[in-house]
């Protein structure tokens, strides 16, 4: 149909062009990684850690965002209320980055996927190498 924008991300679209980030963003995520992730991810409260990551990113981009976590909600971003909703039963760094990308960049699914996945690739290269693509999402391989 004419006039309808195709905003369906694919692995190929996401990886086609590298996303550039502020040096402060890369430093911040690497700092967070040292504090909460490296050798500690199995021991930390992942929801508190992800909340800290989003708060640090929000400060870096001089924006404010509410963060709600609950085991019964679907990961999403509510632009009207500037609220990130994360499912606390399934904490995910990529998902937290993705929903923050919606806060920062708007409703485009392609833009949010590109921003979050490229940031993850650049700051978590080893973890990225252990994930597999399921359509446009990075997931752990099911054993």
N, C-alpha and C. Protein backbone atom coordinates (compact mmCIF):
# COMPACT_ATOMS: atom_id res chain seq x y z
N UNK A 1 0.83 -1.18 0.00
CA UNK A 1 0.00 0.00 0.00
C UNK A 1 0.88 1.25 0.00
N UNK A 2 0.48 2.21 -0.78
CA UNK A 2 1.25 3.45 -0.86
C UNK A 2 1.14 4.21 0.46
N UNK A 3 2.25 4.84 0.85
CA UNK A 3 2.23 5.68 2.04
C UNK A 3 2.50 4.95 3.34
N UNK A 4 2.54 3.62 3.33
CA UNK A 4 2.81 2.88 4.55
C UNK A 4 4.31 2.59 4.60
N UNK A 5 4.92 3.01 5.69
CA UNK A 5 6.35 2.84 5.87
C UNK A 5 6.65 1.44 6.39
N UNK A 6 7.59 0.77 5.76
CA UNK A 6 8.00 -0.55 6.23
C UNK A 6 9.06 -0.38 7.30
N UNK A 7 8.71 -0.68 8.53
CA UNK A 7 9.63 -0.53 9.66
C UNK A 7 9.94 -1.89 10.27
N UNK A 8 10.00 -2.91 9.41
CA UNK A 8 10.28 -4.25 9.90
C UNK A 8 11.78 -4.50 9.87
N UNK A 9 12.40 -4.63 11.04
CA UNK A 9 13.84 -4.86 11.07
C UNK A 9 14.19 -6.29 10.66
N UNK A 10 15.34 -6.43 10.05
CA UNK A 10 15.91 -7.74 9.76
C UNK A 10 17.37 -7.69 10.19
N UNK A 11 17.96 -8.83 10.36
CA UNK A 11 19.38 -8.90 10.71
C UNK A 11 20.20 -8.11 9.69
N UNK A 12 19.89 -8.27 8.42
CA UNK A 12 20.64 -7.61 7.36
C UNK A 12 20.51 -6.08 7.45
N UNK A 13 19.31 -5.59 7.70
CA UNK A 13 19.10 -4.14 7.83
C UNK A 13 19.83 -3.61 9.06
N UNK A 14 19.73 -4.34 10.16
CA UNK A 14 20.35 -3.91 11.42
C UNK A 14 21.86 -3.82 11.28
N UNK A 15 22.46 -4.81 10.64
CA UNK A 15 23.92 -4.87 10.55
C UNK A 15 24.50 -4.15 9.34
N UNK A 16 23.66 -3.67 8.43
CA UNK A 16 24.13 -3.08 7.17
C UNK A 16 25.07 -1.90 7.38
N UNK A 17 24.75 -1.03 8.31
CA UNK A 17 25.57 0.17 8.54
C UNK A 17 25.84 0.32 10.03
N UNK A 18 27.12 0.36 10.36
CA UNK A 18 27.52 0.52 11.76
C UNK A 18 26.96 1.82 12.33
N UNK A 19 26.49 1.76 13.55
CA UNK A 19 25.98 2.94 14.24
C UNK A 19 27.14 3.55 15.03
N UNK A 20 27.27 4.86 14.93
CA UNK A 20 28.30 5.59 15.69
C UNK A 20 27.70 6.09 16.99
N UNK A 21 28.48 6.07 18.05
CA UNK A 21 28.02 6.49 19.37
C UNK A 21 28.93 7.56 19.93
N UNK A 22 28.39 8.34 20.82
CA UNK A 22 29.21 9.28 21.58
C UNK A 22 30.26 8.46 22.33
N UNK A 23 31.46 9.00 22.43
CA UNK A 23 32.50 8.34 23.21
C UNK A 23 32.04 8.18 24.66
N UNK A 24 31.32 9.18 25.17
CA UNK A 24 30.83 9.11 26.56
C UNK A 24 29.86 7.94 26.75
N UNK A 25 29.09 7.61 25.72
CA UNK A 25 28.15 6.48 25.81
C UNK A 25 28.92 5.17 25.89
N UNK A 26 29.91 5.01 25.04
CA UNK A 26 30.71 3.78 25.05
C UNK A 26 31.44 3.63 26.38
N UNK A 27 32.01 4.72 26.86
CA UNK A 27 32.72 4.67 28.16
C UNK A 27 31.76 4.30 29.29
N UNK A 28 30.59 4.91 29.27
CA UNK A 28 29.60 4.68 30.31
C UNK A 28 29.16 3.21 30.35
N UNK A 29 28.85 2.64 29.19
CA UNK A 29 28.42 1.24 29.15
C UNK A 29 29.56 0.33 29.57
N UNK A 30 30.78 0.63 29.18
CA UNK A 30 31.93 -0.18 29.60
C UNK A 30 32.16 -0.07 31.10
N UNK A 31 31.95 1.12 31.65
CA UNK A 31 32.05 1.31 33.10
C UNK A 31 30.98 0.48 33.82
N UNK A 32 29.75 0.54 33.32
CA UNK A 32 28.66 -0.26 33.89
C UNK A 32 29.01 -1.74 33.82
N UNK A 33 29.56 -2.15 32.71
CA UNK A 33 29.95 -3.56 32.49
C UNK A 33 30.95 -4.00 33.56
N UNK A 34 31.93 -3.16 33.85
CA UNK A 34 32.93 -3.48 34.89
C UNK A 34 32.27 -3.61 36.26
N UNK A 35 31.34 -2.72 36.54
CA UNK A 35 30.71 -2.69 37.86
C UNK A 35 29.69 -3.79 38.08
N UNK A 36 28.91 -4.12 37.05
CA UNK A 36 27.77 -5.02 37.24
C UNK A 36 27.86 -6.35 36.49
N UNK A 37 28.67 -6.42 35.46
CA UNK A 37 28.59 -7.57 34.56
C UNK A 37 29.79 -8.52 34.65
N UNK A 38 30.97 -7.99 34.44
CA UNK A 38 32.17 -8.83 34.34
C UNK A 38 32.37 -9.69 35.58
N UNK A 39 32.21 -11.00 35.41
CA UNK A 39 32.41 -11.94 36.50
C UNK A 39 31.40 -11.84 37.62
N UNK A 40 30.37 -11.01 37.44
CA UNK A 40 29.40 -10.77 38.52
C UNK A 40 27.96 -11.00 38.09
N UNK A 41 27.70 -11.14 36.80
CA UNK A 41 26.34 -11.16 36.29
C UNK A 41 25.49 -12.25 36.93
N UNK A 42 26.09 -13.37 37.26
CA UNK A 42 25.31 -14.45 37.87
C UNK A 42 24.96 -14.15 39.33
N UNK A 43 25.65 -13.17 39.92
CA UNK A 43 25.44 -12.87 41.34
C UNK A 43 24.65 -11.60 41.61
N UNK A 44 24.64 -10.66 40.65
CA UNK A 44 23.99 -9.37 40.90
C UNK A 44 22.48 -9.45 40.72
N UNK A 45 21.79 -8.49 41.31
CA UNK A 45 20.37 -8.34 41.03
C UNK A 45 20.27 -7.69 39.65
N UNK A 46 19.93 -8.49 38.66
CA UNK A 46 19.94 -8.03 37.27
C UNK A 46 18.99 -6.87 37.03
N UNK A 47 17.85 -6.87 37.68
CA UNK A 47 16.89 -5.79 37.49
C UNK A 47 17.43 -4.46 38.03
N UNK A 48 18.06 -4.50 39.20
CA UNK A 48 18.69 -3.29 39.74
C UNK A 48 19.82 -2.82 38.83
N UNK A 49 20.59 -3.78 38.31
CA UNK A 49 21.70 -3.44 37.43
C UNK A 49 21.20 -2.80 36.13
N UNK A 50 20.12 -3.35 35.55
CA UNK A 50 19.58 -2.78 34.31
C UNK A 50 18.98 -1.40 34.56
N UNK A 51 18.36 -1.23 35.71
CA UNK A 51 17.83 0.09 36.05
C UNK A 51 18.97 1.09 36.16
N UNK A 52 20.07 0.70 36.77
CA UNK A 52 21.24 1.58 36.88
C UNK A 52 21.78 1.93 35.50
N UNK A 53 21.82 0.96 34.60
CA UNK A 53 22.30 1.20 33.24
C UNK A 53 21.43 2.25 32.54
N UNK A 54 20.13 2.08 32.61
CA UNK A 54 19.21 3.03 31.97
C UNK A 54 19.36 4.42 32.59
N UNK A 55 19.46 4.48 33.91
CA UNK A 55 19.61 5.77 34.59
C UNK A 55 20.91 6.45 34.18
N UNK A 56 21.99 5.68 34.06
CA UNK A 56 23.27 6.24 33.64
C UNK A 56 23.19 6.77 32.21
N UNK A 57 22.55 6.01 31.33
CA UNK A 57 22.39 6.45 29.95
C UNK A 57 21.52 7.72 29.87
N UNK A 58 20.46 7.74 30.65
CA UNK A 58 19.58 8.91 30.66
C UNK A 58 20.35 10.16 31.09
N UNK A 59 21.16 10.03 32.10
CA UNK A 59 21.97 11.16 32.56
C UNK A 59 22.95 11.59 31.46
N UNK A 60 23.56 10.61 30.81
CA UNK A 60 24.51 10.88 29.73
C UNK A 60 23.85 11.67 28.59
N UNK A 61 22.59 11.35 28.31
CA UNK A 61 21.87 12.02 27.23
C UNK A 61 21.00 13.18 27.72
N UNK A 62 21.17 13.52 29.00
CA UNK A 62 20.45 14.64 29.61
C UNK A 62 18.95 14.54 29.38
N UNK A 63 18.41 13.37 29.72
CA UNK A 63 16.99 13.12 29.60
C UNK A 63 16.51 12.42 30.86
N UNK A 64 15.24 12.39 31.06
CA UNK A 64 14.67 11.65 32.18
C UNK A 64 13.71 10.61 31.65
N UNK A 65 13.67 9.49 32.33
CA UNK A 65 12.78 8.39 31.94
C UNK A 65 12.39 7.63 33.20
N UNK A 66 11.15 7.21 33.24
CA UNK A 66 10.68 6.35 34.32
C UNK A 66 10.96 4.90 33.92
N UNK A 67 11.21 4.07 34.91
CA UNK A 67 11.47 2.65 34.65
C UNK A 67 10.55 1.84 35.55
N UNK A 68 9.73 1.00 34.94
CA UNK A 68 8.85 0.11 35.70
C UNK A 68 9.23 -1.32 35.36
N UNK A 69 9.40 -2.11 36.39
CA UNK A 69 9.72 -3.52 36.20
C UNK A 69 8.71 -4.37 36.96
N UNK A 70 8.23 -5.38 36.28
CA UNK A 70 7.27 -6.30 36.88
C UNK A 70 7.32 -7.59 36.11
N UNK A 71 7.05 -8.70 36.78
CA UNK A 71 7.12 -10.00 36.11
C UNK A 71 5.94 -10.24 35.17
N UNK A 72 4.91 -9.41 35.26
CA UNK A 72 3.71 -9.62 34.45
C UNK A 72 3.54 -8.61 33.32
N UNK A 73 4.59 -7.87 32.99
CA UNK A 73 4.46 -6.88 31.92
C UNK A 73 5.29 -7.29 30.71
N UNK A 74 4.94 -6.69 29.59
CA UNK A 74 5.66 -6.92 28.34
C UNK A 74 6.67 -5.79 28.17
N UNK A 75 7.88 -6.13 27.74
CA UNK A 75 8.91 -5.13 27.49
C UNK A 75 8.36 -4.12 26.47
N UNK A 76 8.41 -2.84 26.84
CA UNK A 76 7.87 -1.81 25.95
C UNK A 76 8.31 -0.43 26.41
N UNK A 77 8.03 0.55 25.55
CA UNK A 77 8.26 1.94 25.90
C UNK A 77 6.98 2.73 25.67
N UNK A 78 6.58 3.47 26.67
CA UNK A 78 5.39 4.33 26.60
C UNK A 78 5.87 5.76 26.40
N UNK A 79 5.80 6.25 25.16
CA UNK A 79 6.33 7.59 24.86
C UNK A 79 5.50 8.70 25.50
N UNK A 80 4.21 8.48 25.66
CA UNK A 80 3.34 9.49 26.25
C UNK A 80 3.79 9.81 27.69
N UNK A 81 4.13 8.76 28.43
CA UNK A 81 4.52 8.92 29.83
C UNK A 81 6.02 8.82 30.05
N UNK A 82 6.79 8.68 28.96
CA UNK A 82 8.25 8.53 29.03
C UNK A 82 8.64 7.45 30.05
N UNK A 83 8.06 6.26 29.84
CA UNK A 83 8.25 5.16 30.77
C UNK A 83 8.70 3.90 30.03
N UNK A 84 9.77 3.32 30.52
CA UNK A 84 10.25 2.03 30.02
C UNK A 84 9.66 0.96 30.92
N UNK A 85 9.04 -0.04 30.30
CA UNK A 85 8.49 -1.18 31.03
C UNK A 85 9.35 -2.40 30.69
N UNK A 86 9.89 -3.03 31.72
CA UNK A 86 10.72 -4.22 31.52
C UNK A 86 10.17 -5.38 32.33
N UNK A 87 10.15 -6.55 31.72
CA UNK A 87 9.70 -7.76 32.39
C UNK A 87 10.81 -8.21 33.34
N UNK A 88 10.54 -8.14 34.63
CA UNK A 88 11.55 -8.46 35.63
C UNK A 88 11.87 -9.95 35.70
N UNK A 89 11.02 -10.78 35.11
CA UNK A 89 11.26 -12.22 35.12
C UNK A 89 12.26 -12.64 34.04
N UNK A 90 12.53 -11.73 33.10
CA UNK A 90 13.43 -12.05 32.00
C UNK A 90 14.36 -10.86 31.73
N UNK A 91 15.25 -10.53 32.68
CA UNK A 91 16.10 -9.36 32.50
C UNK A 91 17.08 -9.55 31.34
N UNK A 92 17.22 -8.51 30.52
CA UNK A 92 18.06 -8.59 29.33
C UNK A 92 18.72 -7.23 29.07
N UNK A 93 20.03 -7.26 28.91
CA UNK A 93 20.77 -6.03 28.60
C UNK A 93 20.32 -5.48 27.25
N UNK A 94 20.22 -6.34 26.25
CA UNK A 94 19.83 -5.88 24.91
C UNK A 94 18.43 -5.27 24.95
N UNK A 95 17.51 -5.88 25.67
CA UNK A 95 16.15 -5.35 25.76
C UNK A 95 16.14 -3.99 26.47
N UNK A 96 16.90 -3.86 27.55
CA UNK A 96 16.97 -2.58 28.25
C UNK A 96 17.52 -1.49 27.31
N UNK A 97 18.58 -1.82 26.57
CA UNK A 97 19.14 -0.87 25.60
C UNK A 97 18.12 -0.53 24.52
N UNK A 98 17.39 -1.54 24.07
CA UNK A 98 16.39 -1.35 23.01
C UNK A 98 15.29 -0.39 23.46
N UNK A 99 14.75 -0.61 24.63
CA UNK A 99 13.66 0.26 25.11
C UNK A 99 14.18 1.66 25.39
N UNK A 100 15.43 1.79 25.87
CA UNK A 100 16.01 3.12 26.04
C UNK A 100 16.19 3.79 24.68
N UNK A 101 16.54 3.02 23.67
CA UNK A 101 16.68 3.57 22.31
C UNK A 101 15.36 4.16 21.83
N UNK A 102 14.25 3.51 22.14
CA UNK A 102 12.94 4.08 21.78
C UNK A 102 12.75 5.42 22.49
N UNK A 103 13.14 5.50 23.75
CA UNK A 103 13.02 6.75 24.50
C UNK A 103 13.85 7.84 23.83
N UNK A 104 15.03 7.47 23.41
CA UNK A 104 15.98 8.43 22.86
C UNK A 104 15.70 8.78 21.40
N UNK A 105 15.34 7.76 20.60
CA UNK A 105 15.30 7.91 19.15
C UNK A 105 13.90 7.89 18.55
N UNK A 106 12.89 7.50 19.33
CA UNK A 106 11.53 7.50 18.80
C UNK A 106 10.99 6.11 18.53
N UNK A 107 9.89 6.06 17.80
CA UNK A 107 9.12 4.82 17.67
C UNK A 107 9.64 3.84 16.61
N UNK A 108 10.56 4.26 15.76
CA UNK A 108 11.04 3.37 14.70
C UNK A 108 11.69 2.11 15.28
N UNK A 109 11.15 0.97 14.92
CA UNK A 109 11.69 -0.30 15.40
C UNK A 109 13.07 -0.56 14.80
N UNK A 110 13.26 -0.19 13.55
CA UNK A 110 14.57 -0.37 12.93
C UNK A 110 15.63 0.47 13.65
N UNK A 111 15.32 1.72 13.90
CA UNK A 111 16.27 2.61 14.58
C UNK A 111 16.60 2.09 15.97
N UNK A 112 15.59 1.66 16.72
CA UNK A 112 15.82 1.15 18.07
C UNK A 112 16.65 -0.14 18.03
N UNK A 113 16.37 -1.01 17.08
CA UNK A 113 17.14 -2.25 16.96
C UNK A 113 18.59 -1.95 16.60
N UNK A 114 18.79 -1.08 15.62
CA UNK A 114 20.14 -0.74 15.20
C UNK A 114 20.93 -0.14 16.35
N UNK A 115 20.34 0.83 17.04
CA UNK A 115 21.04 1.52 18.12
C UNK A 115 21.40 0.54 19.24
N UNK A 116 20.45 -0.26 19.68
CA UNK A 116 20.70 -1.14 20.83
C UNK A 116 21.65 -2.29 20.47
N UNK A 117 21.47 -2.88 19.32
CA UNK A 117 22.31 -4.02 18.95
C UNK A 117 23.74 -3.57 18.64
N UNK A 118 23.91 -2.47 17.94
CA UNK A 118 25.26 -1.99 17.68
C UNK A 118 25.97 -1.57 18.97
N UNK A 119 25.24 -0.97 19.89
CA UNK A 119 25.86 -0.62 21.18
C UNK A 119 26.27 -1.89 21.91
N UNK A 120 25.43 -2.91 21.86
CA UNK A 120 25.76 -4.19 22.49
C UNK A 120 26.98 -4.83 21.81
N UNK A 121 27.01 -4.82 20.49
CA UNK A 121 28.14 -5.40 19.75
C UNK A 121 29.44 -4.72 20.16
N UNK A 122 29.41 -3.40 20.27
CA UNK A 122 30.63 -2.64 20.55
C UNK A 122 31.09 -2.76 22.00
N UNK A 123 30.18 -2.99 22.90
CA UNK A 123 30.54 -3.00 24.32
C UNK A 123 30.53 -4.40 24.95
N UNK A 124 29.89 -5.34 24.30
CA UNK A 124 29.84 -6.72 24.79
C UNK A 124 30.17 -7.69 23.64
N UNK A 125 31.33 -7.53 23.01
CA UNK A 125 31.61 -8.36 21.82
C UNK A 125 31.63 -9.86 22.11
N UNK A 126 32.14 -10.27 23.25
CA UNK A 126 32.17 -11.71 23.55
C UNK A 126 30.76 -12.25 23.79
N UNK A 127 29.95 -11.52 24.53
CA UNK A 127 28.58 -11.94 24.79
C UNK A 127 27.79 -11.97 23.48
N UNK A 128 28.02 -10.98 22.62
CA UNK A 128 27.34 -10.95 21.32
C UNK A 128 27.67 -12.21 20.53
N UNK A 129 28.92 -12.63 20.58
CA UNK A 129 29.35 -13.83 19.85
C UNK A 129 28.68 -15.11 20.32
N UNK A 130 28.11 -15.09 21.52
CA UNK A 130 27.44 -16.28 22.07
C UNK A 130 25.94 -16.29 21.79
N UNK A 131 25.44 -15.22 21.22
CA UNK A 131 24.00 -15.14 20.95
C UNK A 131 23.72 -15.53 19.50
N UNK A 132 22.47 -15.88 19.24
CA UNK A 132 22.06 -16.21 17.88
C UNK A 132 20.93 -15.26 17.48
N UNK A 133 20.75 -15.11 16.19
CA UNK A 133 19.67 -14.28 15.67
C UNK A 133 18.40 -15.09 15.55
N UNK A 134 17.31 -14.55 16.05
CA UNK A 134 15.98 -15.11 15.87
C UNK A 134 15.16 -13.99 15.23
N UNK A 135 15.06 -14.03 13.91
CA UNK A 135 14.49 -12.93 13.12
C UNK A 135 15.35 -11.69 13.37
N UNK A 136 14.79 -10.64 14.00
CA UNK A 136 15.56 -9.42 14.22
C UNK A 136 16.08 -9.29 15.65
N UNK A 137 15.96 -10.36 16.43
CA UNK A 137 16.35 -10.29 17.83
C UNK A 137 17.55 -11.18 18.12
N UNK A 138 18.34 -10.74 19.11
CA UNK A 138 19.44 -11.57 19.60
C UNK A 138 18.93 -12.35 20.80
N UNK A 139 19.16 -13.65 20.79
CA UNK A 139 18.68 -14.51 21.88
C UNK A 139 19.75 -15.54 22.24
N UNK A 140 19.62 -16.09 23.42
CA UNK A 140 20.47 -17.21 23.81
C UNK A 140 20.04 -18.44 23.06
N UNK A 141 21.00 -19.22 22.65
CA UNK A 141 20.68 -20.47 21.95
C UNK A 141 20.00 -21.43 22.92
N UNK A 142 18.90 -22.00 22.48
CA UNK A 142 18.19 -22.97 23.31
C UNK A 142 18.91 -24.30 23.25
N UNK A 143 19.21 -24.84 24.40
CA UNK A 143 19.94 -26.12 24.45
C UNK A 143 19.01 -27.30 24.51
